[in-house]
N, C-alpha and C. Protein backbone atom coordinates (compact mmCIF):
# COMPACT_ATOMS: atom_id res chain seq x y z
N UNK A 1 -18.06 -3.85 4.04
CA UNK A 1 -18.08 -2.66 3.37
C UNK A 1 -18.64 -2.80 1.84
N UNK A 2 -20.02 -2.29 1.71
CA UNK A 2 -19.88 -2.66 -0.02
C UNK A 2 -19.89 -1.92 -1.00
N UNK A 3 -19.61 -0.47 -0.69
CA UNK A 3 -18.95 0.38 -1.53
C UNK A 3 -17.46 0.08 -2.14
N UNK A 4 -16.72 -0.16 -1.15
CA UNK A 4 -15.01 -1.03 -1.41
C UNK A 4 -15.32 -1.68 -2.81
N UNK A 5 -16.30 -2.91 -2.75
CA UNK A 5 -15.77 -4.28 -3.07
C UNK A 5 -16.64 -3.57 -4.21
N UNK A 6 -17.53 -2.55 -4.70
CA UNK A 6 -18.48 -1.81 -5.76
C UNK A 6 -17.06 -1.47 -6.43
N UNK A 7 -16.54 -0.59 -5.81
CA UNK A 7 -15.61 -0.03 -6.60
C UNK A 7 -14.24 -0.59 -7.47
N UNK A 8 -13.99 -1.76 -6.72
CA UNK A 8 -12.73 -2.38 -7.10
C UNK A 8 -13.38 -3.57 -8.37
N UNK A 9 -14.55 -3.88 -7.94
CA UNK A 9 -14.97 -4.70 -8.89
C UNK A 9 -15.28 -3.73 -10.36
N UNK A 10 -16.17 -2.32 -10.43
CA UNK A 10 -16.29 -1.45 -11.47
C UNK A 10 -14.68 -1.72 -12.08
N UNK A 11 -13.63 -1.14 -11.22
CA UNK A 11 -12.15 -0.48 -11.63
C UNK A 11 -11.83 -1.73 -12.72
N UNK A 12 -12.09 -3.10 -12.34
CA UNK A 12 -11.87 -4.78 -13.15
C UNK A 12 -12.24 -4.23 -14.28
N UNK A 13 -13.43 -3.97 -14.71
CA UNK A 13 -14.31 -3.84 -15.84
C UNK A 13 -14.44 -2.47 -16.64
N UNK A 14 -13.94 -1.75 -16.21
CA UNK A 14 -14.11 -0.36 -16.55
C UNK A 14 -12.30 -0.68 -17.33
N UNK A 15 -12.42 0.09 -18.65
CA UNK A 15 -11.07 -0.08 -19.56
C UNK A 15 -9.59 1.12 -18.52
N UNK A 16 -8.58 0.76 -18.29
CA UNK A 16 -7.69 1.17 -17.67
C UNK A 16 -7.16 2.13 -18.54
N UNK A 17 -7.50 3.75 -17.56
CA UNK A 17 -6.53 4.43 -18.30
C UNK A 17 -5.14 4.99 -18.18
N UNK A 18 -4.50 5.18 -19.23
CA UNK A 18 -3.12 4.74 -18.72
C UNK A 18 -2.60 6.37 -17.87
N UNK A 19 -1.80 5.35 -17.17
CA UNK A 19 -0.86 6.49 -15.91
C UNK A 19 0.34 7.07 -16.55
N UNK A 20 0.46 8.41 -16.53
CA UNK A 20 1.82 8.88 -16.90
C UNK A 20 2.81 8.71 -16.33
N UNK A 21 2.71 8.10 -14.90
CA UNK A 21 3.69 8.40 -13.77
C UNK A 21 4.33 6.61 -14.18
N UNK A 22 3.90 5.48 -15.19
CA UNK A 22 4.50 3.94 -15.27
C UNK A 22 5.20 4.27 -16.58
N UNK A 23 6.48 4.28 -16.22
CA UNK A 23 7.08 4.07 -17.87
C UNK A 23 6.33 3.53 -18.68
N UNK A 24 6.32 3.89 -20.45
CA UNK A 24 5.35 3.46 -21.30
C UNK A 24 5.82 2.34 -21.81
N UNK A 25 7.21 1.05 -21.27
CA UNK A 25 7.13 -0.16 -21.95
C UNK A 25 7.26 -0.97 -20.90
N UNK A 26 6.45 -0.64 -19.48
CA UNK A 26 6.32 -1.34 -18.24
C UNK A 26 4.50 -2.14 -18.85
N UNK A 27 3.87 -3.07 -18.59
CA UNK A 27 2.50 -3.56 -18.59
C UNK A 27 2.14 -4.46 -17.08
N UNK A 28 1.37 -3.87 -16.92
CA UNK A 28 0.60 -4.51 -15.62
C UNK A 28 0.24 -6.16 -15.99
N UNK A 29 0.50 -6.52 -14.94
CA UNK A 29 0.92 -7.91 -15.24
C UNK A 29 -0.48 -8.69 -13.89
N UNK A 30 0.10 -7.79 -12.49
CA UNK A 30 -1.28 -8.26 -11.97
C UNK A 30 -2.13 -7.06 -11.05
N UNK A 31 -3.72 -6.92 -10.93
CA UNK A 31 -3.60 -6.59 -9.96
C UNK A 31 -4.99 -7.04 -8.70
N UNK A 32 -4.39 -6.46 -7.99
CA UNK A 32 -5.06 -7.05 -6.49
C UNK A 32 -5.68 -5.85 -5.73
N UNK A 33 -6.24 -6.57 -5.00
CA UNK A 33 -7.20 -5.46 -3.63
C UNK A 33 -5.88 -6.23 -2.23
N UNK A 34 -6.11 -4.69 -1.89
CA UNK A 34 -4.99 -5.13 -0.26
C UNK A 34 -5.68 -4.41 1.17
N UNK A 35 -6.46 -4.94 1.93
CA UNK A 35 -7.30 -5.19 2.98
C UNK A 35 -6.48 -5.28 4.24
N UNK A 36 -6.19 -4.34 5.21
CA UNK A 36 -5.45 -4.99 6.08
C UNK A 36 -5.15 -3.82 7.05
N UNK A 37 -4.14 -2.68 7.85
CA UNK A 37 -3.75 -2.06 8.54
C UNK A 37 -2.74 -1.05 8.27
N UNK A 38 -2.54 -0.12 8.40
CA UNK A 38 -1.48 1.13 8.55
C UNK A 38 -1.15 0.91 9.86
N UNK A 39 0.54 0.38 10.35
CA UNK A 39 0.86 0.72 11.92
C UNK A 39 1.13 1.68 12.34
N UNK A 40 1.15 2.42 13.15
CA UNK A 40 1.55 3.53 13.43
C UNK A 40 1.94 4.09 15.31
N UNK A 41 2.61 4.66 15.13
CA UNK A 41 3.43 4.37 17.02
C UNK A 41 3.43 6.03 17.37
N UNK A 42 2.81 6.04 18.32
CA UNK A 42 2.70 7.62 18.87
C UNK A 42 4.70 8.18 19.47
N UNK A 43 4.98 8.95 18.36
CA UNK A 43 6.47 9.29 19.08
C UNK A 43 6.97 10.47 19.03
N UNK A 44 7.60 10.93 20.32
CA UNK A 44 7.91 12.39 20.36
C UNK A 44 8.74 12.81 19.55
N UNK A 45 8.25 13.89 19.03
CA UNK A 45 9.22 14.84 17.99
C UNK A 45 10.08 15.68 19.02
N UNK A 46 11.62 15.15 19.24
CA UNK A 46 12.35 15.76 20.09
C UNK A 46 13.08 17.43 19.39
N UNK A 47 12.65 17.50 17.99
CA UNK A 47 13.40 18.74 17.85
C UNK A 47 12.95 19.99 18.20
N UNK A 48 11.66 19.56 18.57
CA UNK A 48 10.65 20.98 19.42
C UNK A 48 10.80 21.16 20.59
N UNK A 49 10.69 22.22 20.50
CA UNK A 49 10.89 22.42 22.27
C UNK A 49 9.68 23.21 23.00
N UNK A 50 8.89 22.79 23.79
CA UNK A 50 8.46 21.67 24.28
C UNK A 50 8.55 20.58 23.03
N UNK A 51 8.94 19.22 23.59
CA UNK A 51 8.51 17.92 22.51
C UNK A 51 7.00 18.42 22.34
N UNK A 52 6.52 17.69 21.00
CA UNK A 52 5.64 17.15 20.77
C UNK A 52 5.54 15.76 20.11
N UNK A 53 3.99 15.47 20.01
CA UNK A 53 4.19 14.21 19.68
C UNK A 53 3.07 14.01 18.63
N UNK A 54 3.67 12.88 17.60
CA UNK A 54 3.03 12.45 16.30
C UNK A 54 2.94 11.45 16.09
N UNK A 55 1.93 10.68 14.93
CA UNK A 55 1.93 9.47 14.65
C UNK A 55 3.05 9.04 13.87
N UNK A 56 3.62 8.26 13.72
CA UNK A 56 4.65 8.01 13.16
C UNK A 56 4.60 6.36 11.95
N UNK A 57 4.12 6.68 10.65
CA UNK A 57 4.03 4.86 10.40
C UNK A 57 5.28 4.42 10.62
N UNK A 58 4.71 2.90 10.79
CA UNK A 58 6.26 1.94 11.08
C UNK A 58 5.78 0.96 10.03
N UNK A 59 4.73 0.64 9.80
CA UNK A 59 4.82 -1.05 8.52
C UNK A 59 3.34 -0.85 8.46
N UNK A 60 2.78 -1.39 6.98
CA UNK A 60 1.64 -2.05 6.58
C UNK A 60 1.61 -3.30 7.02
N UNK A 61 0.31 -4.02 7.33
CA UNK A 61 -0.07 -5.46 7.27
C UNK A 61 -1.37 -5.46 6.36
N UNK A 62 -0.91 -6.30 5.59
CA UNK A 62 -2.27 -6.56 4.81
C UNK A 62 -2.18 -7.92 3.73
N UNK A 63 -3.35 -8.64 3.68
CA UNK A 63 -3.54 -9.58 2.85
C UNK A 63 -3.97 -8.78 1.28
N UNK A 64 -3.13 -9.92 0.65
CA UNK A 64 -3.64 -9.18 -0.75
C UNK A 64 -4.87 -10.38 -1.13
N UNK A 65 -5.90 -9.79 -1.83
CA UNK A 65 -6.55 -10.52 -2.88
C UNK A 65 -6.77 -10.78 -4.43
N UNK A 66 -7.00 -11.48 -5.34
CA UNK A 66 -7.42 -11.50 -6.20
C UNK A 66 -8.73 -11.10 -6.80
N UNK A 67 -8.74 -9.85 -7.42
CA UNK A 67 -9.97 -9.20 -7.30
C UNK A 67 -11.21 -10.06 -8.33
N UNK A 68 -10.97 -10.84 -8.90
CA UNK A 68 -12.05 -11.84 -9.79
C UNK A 68 -12.39 -13.12 -8.40
N UNK A 69 -11.70 -13.86 -8.01
CA UNK A 69 -11.41 -15.17 -7.38
C UNK A 69 -12.16 -14.94 -6.10
N UNK A 70 -11.52 -13.49 -5.60
CA UNK A 70 -11.44 -12.98 -3.57
C UNK A 70 -11.07 -13.81 -3.47
N UNK A 71 -9.85 -14.76 -3.83
CA UNK A 71 -8.91 -14.99 -2.90
C UNK A 71 -7.32 -14.82 -2.69
N UNK A 72 -7.11 -15.03 -1.74
CA UNK A 72 -5.59 -14.42 -0.86
C UNK A 72 -5.04 -14.99 -1.55
N UNK A 73 -4.17 -14.37 -2.29
CA UNK A 73 -2.66 -14.43 -3.43
C UNK A 73 -1.64 -14.02 -2.71
N UNK A 74 -1.98 -13.20 -1.51
CA UNK A 74 -0.24 -12.51 -0.93
C UNK A 74 -0.27 -11.78 0.12
N UNK A 75 0.58 -11.26 0.65
CA UNK A 75 0.99 -9.83 1.63
C UNK A 75 1.47 -9.00 1.69
N UNK A 76 1.24 -8.04 1.92
CA UNK A 76 1.73 -6.69 1.76
C UNK A 76 2.76 -6.80 3.51
N UNK A 77 3.93 -6.24 3.61
CA UNK A 77 4.22 -5.98 4.94
C UNK A 77 5.76 -5.06 4.64
N UNK A 78 6.52 -4.79 5.87
CA UNK A 78 7.33 -3.93 5.91
C UNK A 78 8.29 -4.16 5.01
N UNK A 79 8.66 -2.86 4.56
CA UNK A 79 10.11 -3.22 3.78
C UNK A 79 9.83 -1.80 3.24
N UNK A 80 8.73 -1.54 1.81
CA UNK A 80 7.56 -2.34 1.54
C UNK A 80 7.84 -3.73 0.64
N UNK A 81 7.11 -5.17 1.34
CA UNK A 81 7.29 -6.16 0.70
C UNK A 81 6.24 -6.39 0.24
N UNK A 82 6.08 -7.20 -0.82
CA UNK A 82 5.05 -7.94 -1.33
C UNK A 82 5.42 -9.59 -1.56
N UNK A 83 4.70 -9.90 -0.73
CA UNK A 83 5.37 -11.37 -0.81
C UNK A 83 3.98 -12.59 -1.53
N UNK A 84 3.87 -12.89 -2.23
CA UNK A 84 3.28 -14.29 -2.97
C UNK A 84 2.81 -15.50 -2.30
N UNK A 85 1.75 -16.14 -2.38
CA UNK A 85 1.95 -17.43 -2.12
C UNK A 85 2.97 -18.32 -2.36
N UNK A 86 3.19 -18.24 -3.94
CA UNK A 86 4.55 -19.08 -3.94
C UNK A 86 5.69 -18.81 -3.63
N UNK A 87 5.55 -17.74 -2.76
CA UNK A 87 7.32 -17.34 -2.11
C UNK A 87 8.02 -16.56 -2.46
N UNK A 88 7.48 -15.98 -3.93
CA UNK A 88 8.06 -14.77 -4.50
C UNK A 88 7.74 -13.71 -4.12
N UNK A 89 8.48 -12.70 -3.85
CA UNK A 89 8.56 -11.79 -3.72
C UNK A 89 9.35 -10.30 -3.74
N UNK A 90 9.12 -9.32 -4.18
CA UNK A 90 9.27 -7.38 -3.99
C UNK A 90 9.41 -7.07 -3.01
N UNK A 91 10.65 -6.01 -2.98
CA UNK A 91 10.61 -4.93 -1.87
C UNK A 91 10.65 -3.87 -2.49
N UNK A 92 9.75 -2.70 -2.19
CA UNK A 92 9.84 -1.37 -3.45
C UNK A 92 10.33 -0.21 -2.92
N UNK A 93 10.80 0.32 -3.88
CA UNK A 93 11.58 1.80 -3.20
C UNK A 93 10.48 2.92 -3.98
N UNK A 94 10.21 3.56 -3.24
CA UNK A 94 9.09 4.88 -3.46
C UNK A 94 10.15 6.21 -4.58
N UNK A 95 9.28 5.77 -5.09
CA UNK A 95 9.52 6.60 -6.52
C UNK A 95 8.71 8.15 -7.09
N UNK A 96 7.20 7.65 -6.48
CA UNK A 96 6.10 8.86 -6.52
C UNK A 96 5.27 8.61 -5.38
N UNK A 97 4.85 9.81 -4.99
CA UNK A 97 4.01 10.10 -3.65
C UNK A 97 2.76 11.28 -4.12
N UNK A 98 1.47 10.68 -4.04
CA UNK A 98 0.36 11.87 -4.43
C UNK A 98 -0.69 11.87 -3.99
N UNK A 99 -1.25 12.45 -3.40
CA UNK A 99 -2.27 12.31 -1.86
C UNK A 99 -3.59 12.01 -2.88
N UNK A 100 -4.20 10.63 -2.04
CA UNK A 100 -5.59 10.24 -2.44
C UNK A 100 -6.32 11.22 -2.43
N UNK A 101 -7.37 11.40 -3.30
CA UNK A 101 -8.21 12.24 -3.70
C UNK A 101 -9.31 12.72 -2.11
N UNK A 102 -9.52 11.42 -1.18
CA UNK A 102 -10.05 11.57 -0.12
C UNK A 102 -8.63 11.50 1.13
N UNK A 103 -8.46 13.01 1.35
CA UNK A 103 -7.54 13.28 2.66
C UNK A 103 -7.32 12.24 4.15
N UNK A 104 -8.76 11.50 4.20
CA UNK A 104 -8.70 10.52 5.16
C UNK A 104 -8.33 9.25 4.66
N UNK A 105 -7.86 9.40 3.60
CA UNK A 105 -6.90 7.89 2.69
C UNK A 105 -5.61 8.19 2.53
N UNK A 106 -4.59 7.24 3.13
CA UNK A 106 -3.44 6.74 2.43
C UNK A 106 -2.44 8.01 1.12
N UNK A 107 -2.20 8.44 0.65
CA UNK A 107 -1.83 8.54 -0.53
C UNK A 107 -1.45 7.10 -1.36
N UNK A 108 -1.57 7.80 -2.60
CA UNK A 108 -1.16 6.91 -4.25
C UNK A 108 0.23 6.88 -4.52
N UNK A 109 1.52 5.74 -4.49
CA UNK A 109 2.48 5.63 -4.57
C UNK A 109 2.46 4.55 -5.61
N UNK A 110 4.24 5.04 -6.39
CA UNK A 110 4.45 4.45 -7.54
C UNK A 110 5.79 3.93 -7.00
N UNK A 111 6.16 2.24 -6.85
CA UNK A 111 7.20 2.38 -6.30
C UNK A 111 8.33 1.21 -7.01
N UNK A 112 9.61 1.15 -7.43
CA UNK A 112 10.28 0.60 -8.28
C UNK A 112 10.44 -0.98 -7.54
N UNK A 113 10.29 -2.09 -8.27
CA UNK A 113 10.41 -3.28 -7.28
C UNK A 113 11.39 -3.74 -7.74
N UNK A 114 12.25 -4.76 -6.62
CA UNK A 114 13.58 -5.45 -6.92
C UNK A 114 13.32 -6.75 -6.41
N UNK A 115 13.31 -7.85 -7.11
CA UNK A 115 12.73 -9.79 -6.57
C UNK A 115 13.66 -9.76 -5.01
N UNK A 116 13.12 -10.36 -4.46
CA UNK A 116 13.78 -10.92 -3.12
C UNK A 116 12.90 -12.21 -2.72
N UNK A 117 12.77 -12.61 -3.68
CA UNK A 117 12.09 -14.26 -2.93
C UNK A 117 12.40 -15.11 -4.10
N UNK A 118 11.47 -15.96 -3.55
CA UNK A 118 12.16 -17.21 -4.71
C UNK A 118 11.56 -17.29 -6.12
N UNK A 119 11.94 -17.71 -7.39
CA UNK A 119 11.55 -17.50 -8.69
C UNK A 119 10.06 -17.69 -8.76
N UNK A 120 9.20 -16.84 -9.00
CA UNK A 120 8.07 -17.42 -9.05
C UNK A 120 7.17 -15.86 -9.69
N UNK A 121 5.39 -15.74 -9.78
CA UNK A 121 4.53 -15.11 -9.96
C UNK A 121 5.30 -13.70 -9.99
N UNK A 122 6.39 -12.65 -9.06
CA UNK A 122 6.63 -11.67 -9.20
C UNK A 122 8.16 -11.44 -9.33
N UNK A 123 8.85 -12.47 -9.87
CA UNK A 123 10.05 -12.36 -10.31
C UNK A 123 9.87 -11.00 -11.20
N UNK A 124 9.35 -11.04 -12.27
CA UNK A 124 9.97 -10.09 -13.22
C UNK A 124 8.64 -8.88 -12.86
N UNK A 125 8.65 -7.98 -11.58
CA UNK A 125 8.14 -7.23 -11.24
C UNK A 125 8.70 -5.94 -11.26
N UNK A 126 8.83 -4.87 -12.22
CA UNK A 126 9.31 -3.77 -11.92
C UNK A 126 9.00 -2.62 -11.18
N UNK A 127 7.47 -2.52 -11.48
CA UNK A 127 7.07 -1.56 -10.60
C UNK A 127 5.76 -1.79 -9.55
N UNK A 128 5.21 -1.19 -8.65
CA UNK A 128 3.88 -1.21 -7.69
C UNK A 128 3.53 0.09 -8.18
N UNK A 129 2.57 0.27 -8.47
CA UNK A 129 1.30 1.37 -8.12
C UNK A 129 0.15 0.72 -7.42
N UNK A 130 0.14 1.79 -5.60
CA UNK A 130 -0.72 1.64 -5.17
C UNK A 130 -1.82 3.16 -5.11
N UNK A 131 -2.82 2.50 -5.20
CA UNK A 131 -4.17 3.62 -5.77
C UNK A 131 -5.26 3.07 -5.35
N UNK A 132 -6.36 4.14 -5.24
CA UNK A 132 -7.56 4.17 -5.02
C UNK A 132 -8.10 3.50 -3.42
N UNK A 133 -6.63 4.16 -2.58
CA UNK A 133 -7.08 4.00 -1.78
C UNK A 133 -8.23 4.53 -0.31
N UNK A 134 -8.46 3.72 0.49
CA UNK A 134 -9.69 4.02 1.55
C UNK A 134 -8.69 3.82 2.46
N UNK A 135 -9.21 5.10 3.30
CA UNK A 135 -8.92 5.24 4.92
C UNK A 135 -7.08 4.85 5.11
N UNK A 136 -6.75 4.42 6.20
CA UNK A 136 -5.76 4.00 6.68
C UNK A 136 -4.59 5.49 7.16
N UNK A 137 -5.44 6.49 6.94
CA UNK A 137 -5.05 7.63 7.46
C UNK A 137 -4.19 7.48 9.13
N UNK A 138 -3.39 8.29 9.25
CA UNK A 138 -3.48 8.21 10.58
C UNK A 138 -3.61 9.48 11.34
N UNK A 139 -4.96 9.38 12.34
CA UNK A 139 -5.17 10.30 13.21
C UNK A 139 -4.64 11.64 13.44
N UNK A 140 -5.81 12.71 13.94
CA UNK A 140 -4.77 14.03 14.37
C UNK A 140 -4.50 13.71 15.35
N UNK A 141 -5.42 13.02 16.13
CA UNK A 141 -5.86 13.35 17.47
C UNK A 141 -5.26 12.17 18.14
N UNK A 142 -4.96 12.36 19.95
CA UNK A 142 -4.96 11.09 20.36
C UNK A 142 -3.03 10.49 21.07
N UNK A 143 -2.26 11.26 19.92
CA UNK A 143 -0.67 10.89 20.61
C UNK A 143 -0.30 12.27 21.08
N UNK A 144 -0.05 12.06 22.32
CA UNK A 144 0.26 13.26 23.14
C UNK A 144 1.65 12.15 24.38
N UNK A 145 2.57 13.03 25.38
CA UNK A 145 2.99 12.39 26.51
C UNK A 145 3.01 11.26 26.69
N UNK A 146 1.49 11.33 27.69
CA UNK A 146 0.88 10.21 28.20
C UNK A 146 0.41 8.86 27.11
N UNK A 147 0.22 9.03 26.03
CA UNK A 147 0.62 7.75 24.67
C UNK A 147 1.25 7.33 24.30
N UNK A 148 2.66 7.96 25.03
CA UNK A 148 4.31 7.95 23.61
C UNK A 148 4.13 6.63 23.92
N UNK A 149 4.98 6.01 22.62
CA UNK A 149 5.28 4.43 22.27
C UNK A 149 3.67 3.76 22.04
N UNK A 150 2.69 4.42 22.33
CA UNK A 150 1.56 3.49 21.77
C UNK A 150 1.54 3.17 20.41
N UNK A 151 1.13 2.21 19.81
CA UNK A 151 0.80 1.55 18.41
C UNK A 151 -0.87 1.75 18.24
N UNK A 152 -0.98 2.23 16.87
CA UNK A 152 -2.65 1.93 16.78
C UNK A 152 -2.26 1.33 15.48
N UNK A 153 -3.24 0.12 15.18
CA UNK A 153 -3.56 0.01 13.25
C UNK A 153 -5.39 0.22 12.97
N UNK A 154 -4.68 1.41 11.88
CA UNK A 154 -5.84 2.15 10.85
C UNK A 154 -5.91 1.09 9.92
N UNK A 155 -7.14 0.53 10.10
CA UNK A 155 -7.63 0.04 8.52
C UNK A 155 -7.77 0.61 7.50
N UNK A 156 -7.18 -0.26 6.48
CA UNK A 156 -6.90 0.33 5.11
C UNK A 156 -7.54 -0.54 4.06
N UNK A 157 -7.53 -0.41 2.82
CA UNK A 157 -8.05 -0.73 1.63
C UNK A 157 -7.27 0.35 0.38
N UNK A 158 -6.65 -0.52 -0.71
CA UNK A 158 -6.41 -0.35 -1.93
C UNK A 158 -5.94 -1.08 -3.13
N UNK A 159 -6.06 -0.61 -3.88
CA UNK A 159 -5.71 -1.86 -5.12
C UNK A 159 -4.04 -1.42 -5.28
N UNK A 160 -3.47 -2.31 -5.54
CA UNK A 160 -1.92 -2.72 -5.79
C UNK A 160 -2.28 -3.68 -7.49
N UNK A 161 -1.19 -2.50 -8.42
CA UNK A 161 -1.05 -2.90 -9.91
C UNK A 161 0.61 -3.19 -9.71
N UNK A 162 0.52 -4.28 -10.28
CA UNK A 162 2.21 -4.90 -10.62
C UNK A 162 2.55 -5.25 -12.17
N UNK A 163 3.86 -4.73 -12.22
CA UNK A 163 4.25 -4.05 -13.27
C UNK A 163 5.10 -4.78 -13.81
N UNK A 164 5.14 -5.37 -15.30
CA UNK A 164 6.56 -5.81 -15.70
C UNK A 164 7.08 -5.65 -17.12
N UNK A 165 8.32 -5.47 -16.91
CA UNK A 165 8.64 -4.61 -18.06
C UNK A 165 9.01 -5.83 -19.52
N UNK A 166 8.36 -4.39 -20.52
CA UNK A 166 8.34 -5.06 -21.73
C UNK A 166 9.62 -5.44 -22.51
């Protein structure tokens, strides 16, 4: 898809607007493009009578790419966890969520990060922001009794910015 690539390239060259959600003592260390899927499971909502069904988020599965070189630098997986090619990793704890400007896209997030991997590129990362999301939202249909426990993978793209504290 050409449009997301252009958008990501433009966001790299445009001056970054300060985000009020990021603490003042943090600075952007890495900005990468995530390309992958959001995994959902069709689950019965048993608190309703009769039971209704809903797509429930399970995990992300994405490859992270350097915006400039387009080379893979790591992966994003359940936890949520980001793991760099050097085996350094952080797990995130949700601090803030705001809807994407596009209702078909997953929300923008700010997460507090804690190192869980080997020493390396992500060792001093304190926050991860997911922004500029494209697609990835669970479908509004297709989850009902005959499809209970079905798994779907919805493609998405996002920008991930990793912040260290100064």
